Amino acid sequence: MRNKRILKILLIFTILILICSALFFIPYKKHFVFIESETNEITAHVPVIEDRFKIRYTHSIHLSDVIESYRLDDEGNLVMTELEYEDFNIGMPSNAGEGERFVEKDGKYFIEDMKRKLPEFRLLVGDVDAELVFLFAGKELDLKKSLERGKIYTFRAQRLSIYQQLEGVNIYE
C-alpha cells in the first residue's frame, strides 16, 4: 500500500515535470525578433505590446532621416504603412504606388496609405556612425548599441518560448 502511494506521487511528480518542461519550449508570446543571418540565432527581441512601430535611419547618401512606419497584421505579417523622407535623389521614390498617396508637407515627403505586406525583411547594421533606431511604444531603441555593426539581420514577428526568450537580449527592458 505504501509502495503504491509512493509510485502515484512519483508518477504525478514526473507528469508535472514533463508538463513544465514542455511549456518551457512551446512558443507562446509574440516578439519582434532580430535574427543574425549567418548563424540564424536570435540576437535581440522586443515583446509585442502594440502592433505599430517605426524604423528611423540616416540615409547613407543623402545623410537625412528616413522613417518607415509599420504595423503588424493578424497573420503576423509586417505591413509598411508610411514612408517619410527629405530627399528625392538616389534610392528614394519620387511618387506613390497604386492605392498610395504622395504628400509634401513642411519640406518633407510622405508616401501614405501603403499596404505593403512582408513576412520579414533584412536589416543591415552599417559600420558607420549613422542613426538606426527602432521606435516602439514610446521608446527609441538604438539598434547600433544592441546589434553588431557590419552584420545583416532578419527582422520579423514570431512567437517565442521561454527558452527562446533567454537566447537573445530583450532590448525593450
Protein backbone atom coordinates (compact mmCIF):
# COMPACT_ATOMS: atom_id res chain seq x y z
CA MET A 1 0.00 0.00 0.00
CA ARG A 2 2.80 2.37 0.91
CA ASN A 3 4.63 1.49 -2.34
CA LYS A 4 1.51 2.32 -4.36
CA ARG A 5 1.34 5.79 -2.75
CA ILE A 6 5.00 6.47 -3.46
CA LEU A 7 4.51 5.27 -7.03
CA LYS A 8 1.48 7.60 -7.50
CA ILE A 9 3.41 10.54 -6.07
CA LEU A 10 6.37 9.81 -8.36
CA LEU A 11 4.03 9.49 -11.36
CA ILE A 12 2.33 12.81 -10.58
CA PHE A 13 5.69 14.48 -9.98
CA THR A 14 7.02 13.11 -13.32
CA ILE A 15 3.93 14.31 -15.19
CA LEU A 16 4.27 17.79 -13.67
CA ILE A 17 7.94 17.94 -14.66
CA LEU A 18 7.10 16.88 -18.22
CA ILE A 19 4.31 19.47 -18.49
CA CYS A 20 6.55 22.26 -17.15
CA SER A 21 9.37 21.21 -19.47
CA ALA A 22 7.04 21.21 -22.48
CA LEU A 23 5.72 24.67 -21.57
CA PHE A 24 9.31 25.93 -21.38
CA PHE A 25 9.82 25.06 -25.05
CA ILE A 26 6.39 25.91 -26.55
CA PRO A 27 6.32 29.30 -28.33
CA TYR A 28 3.55 31.40 -26.78
CA LYS A 29 4.45 35.11 -26.66
CA LYS A 30 4.81 37.23 -29.80
CA HIS A 31 8.03 39.23 -30.19
CA PHE A 32 9.75 41.31 -32.82
CA VAL A 33 12.99 39.41 -33.37
CA PHE A 34 16.37 40.22 -34.89
CA ILE A 35 17.96 37.02 -36.22
CA GLU A 36 21.63 37.12 -37.16
CA SER A 37 21.68 35.92 -40.78
CA GLU A 38 24.92 33.93 -40.67
CA THR A 39 24.14 31.92 -37.53
CA ASN A 40 20.32 32.03 -37.72
CA GLU A 41 20.26 32.76 -33.98
CA ILE A 42 18.00 35.25 -32.23
CA THR A 43 20.26 38.12 -31.21
CA ALA A 44 17.67 40.52 -29.85
CA HIS A 45 13.93 40.66 -29.35
CA VAL A 46 11.21 43.07 -28.29
CA PRO A 47 7.92 41.81 -26.84
CA VAL A 48 4.94 42.87 -28.96
CA ILE A 49 2.87 45.10 -26.69
CA GLU A 50 1.38 47.13 -29.53
CA ASP A 51 1.07 46.44 -33.24
CA ARG A 52 2.76 49.57 -34.63
CA PHE A 53 6.42 50.51 -34.85
CA LYS A 54 8.80 52.66 -36.87
CA ILE A 55 12.38 52.40 -38.00
CA ARG A 56 14.33 55.62 -38.38
CA TYR A 57 17.68 55.65 -40.12
CA THR A 58 20.07 58.10 -41.71
CA HIS A 59 20.18 57.60 -45.48
CA SER A 60 23.73 56.70 -46.46
CA ILE A 61 23.91 59.07 -49.44
CA HIS A 62 21.65 61.99 -48.51
CA LEU A 63 22.57 61.89 -44.82
CA SER A 64 18.99 62.80 -43.93
CA ASP A 65 16.44 60.93 -41.84
CA VAL A 66 14.14 58.32 -43.35
CA ILE A 67 11.27 56.95 -41.27
CA GLU A 68 9.49 53.74 -42.23
CA SER A 69 6.21 53.05 -40.41
CA TYR A 70 4.83 49.54 -39.99
CA ARG A 71 2.01 47.66 -38.34
CA LEU A 72 1.58 44.00 -37.57
CA ASP A 73 -1.44 42.34 -39.18
CA ASP A 74 -3.49 39.45 -37.77
CA GLU A 75 -1.44 36.86 -39.70
CA GLY A 76 1.84 38.15 -38.26
CA ASN A 77 2.97 39.96 -41.41
CA LEU A 78 4.77 43.28 -41.26
CA VAL A 79 2.78 45.87 -43.21
CA MET A 80 4.59 49.02 -44.32
CA THR A 81 2.09 51.86 -43.91
CA GLU A 82 4.09 55.05 -44.49
CA LEU A 83 7.46 56.31 -45.69
CA GLU A 84 8.81 59.74 -44.69
CA TYR A 85 11.95 61.29 -46.20
CA GLU A 86 13.56 64.59 -47.18
CA ASP A 87 15.38 63.96 -50.47
CA PHE A 88 14.26 62.55 -53.83
CA ASN A 89 17.63 61.52 -55.09
CA ILE A 90 19.21 58.07 -55.29
CA GLY A 91 17.28 55.28 -53.61
CA MET A 92 14.14 57.20 -52.71
CA PRO A 93 10.81 57.06 -54.57
CA SER A 94 9.60 60.12 -56.45
CA ASN A 95 5.94 59.09 -56.42
CA ALA A 96 3.43 56.81 -54.71
CA GLY A 97 2.42 53.37 -55.91
CA GLU A 98 -1.08 52.21 -56.78
CA GLY A 99 -3.55 52.99 -53.99
CA GLU A 100 -1.00 55.09 -52.12
CA ARG A 101 -0.82 58.88 -51.65
CA PHE A 102 2.21 61.10 -52.18
CA VAL A 103 2.19 64.14 -49.88
CA GLU A 104 4.65 67.00 -49.49
CA LYS A 105 4.47 68.76 -46.12
CA ASP A 106 6.90 71.08 -44.31
CA GLY A 107 9.78 70.24 -46.66
CA LYS A 108 9.33 66.50 -46.22
CA TYR A 109 7.86 63.87 -48.49
CA PHE A 110 5.42 61.19 -47.38
CA ILE A 111 4.03 58.15 -49.07
CA GLU A 112 0.87 57.35 -47.14
CA ASP A 113 -1.81 54.66 -47.28
CA MET A 114 0.77 52.00 -48.03
CA LYS A 115 -0.24 48.35 -47.60
CA ARG A 116 2.97 46.52 -48.48
CA LYS A 117 2.94 43.15 -46.69
CA LEU A 118 6.22 41.50 -45.76
CA PRO A 119 6.64 38.31 -43.73
CA GLU A 120 10.12 39.60 -42.82
CA PHE A 121 12.87 41.85 -44.10
CA ARG A 122 16.66 42.09 -43.95
CA LEU A 123 18.32 44.85 -41.99
CA LEU A 124 21.97 45.78 -42.48
CA VAL A 125 23.52 47.42 -39.45
CA GLY A 126 26.16 49.52 -41.16
CA ASP A 127 29.58 50.09 -39.66
CA VAL A 128 29.24 53.86 -39.88
CA ASP A 129 28.22 56.45 -37.32
CA ALA A 130 24.71 56.93 -38.69
CA GLU A 131 21.43 56.58 -36.87
CA LEU A 132 19.43 53.34 -36.82
CA VAL A 133 16.56 53.43 -34.32
CA PHE A 134 13.60 51.16 -33.57
CA LEU A 135 10.69 53.34 -32.38
CA PHE A 136 8.20 51.33 -30.37
CA ALA A 137 5.68 52.01 -27.59
CA GLY A 138 7.06 55.47 -26.90
CA LYS A 139 10.70 54.34 -26.73
CA GLU A 140 13.65 54.90 -29.06
CA LEU A 141 15.84 51.80 -29.13
CA ASP A 142 19.27 52.42 -30.65
CA LEU A 143 19.91 49.32 -32.76
CA LYS A 144 23.58 50.22 -33.21
CA LYS A 145 24.04 49.60 -29.46
CA SER A 146 22.10 46.33 -29.42
CA LEU A 147 23.15 44.71 -32.69
CA GLU A 148 26.62 44.13 -34.11
CA ARG A 149 27.77 46.59 -36.75
CA GLY A 150 28.51 45.17 -40.19
CA LYS A 151 26.03 42.30 -39.75
CA ILE A 152 22.79 41.53 -41.56
CA TYR A 153 19.73 40.59 -39.52
CA THR A 154 16.38 39.12 -40.45
CA PHE A 155 13.60 41.05 -38.75
CA ARG A 156 10.15 39.54 -38.21
CA ALA A 157 7.43 38.92 -35.65
CA GLN A 158 7.20 35.45 -34.18
CA ARG A 159 6.11 33.65 -31.06
CA LEU A 160 8.92 32.74 -28.68
CA SER A 161 9.10 30.12 -25.96
CA ILE A 162 10.57 30.92 -22.56
CA TYR A 163 13.74 29.15 -23.70
CA GLN A 164 13.99 31.26 -26.88
CA GLN A 165 13.45 34.44 -24.86
CA LEU A 166 16.57 33.53 -22.89
CA GLU A 167 18.62 33.23 -26.12
CA GLY A 168 18.60 36.84 -27.29
CA VAL A 169 18.66 40.12 -25.43
CA ASN A 170 15.35 41.81 -24.68
CA ILE A 171 16.27 45.30 -25.88
CA TYR A 172 12.98 46.83 -24.71
CA GLU A 173 13.75 46.49 -20.98
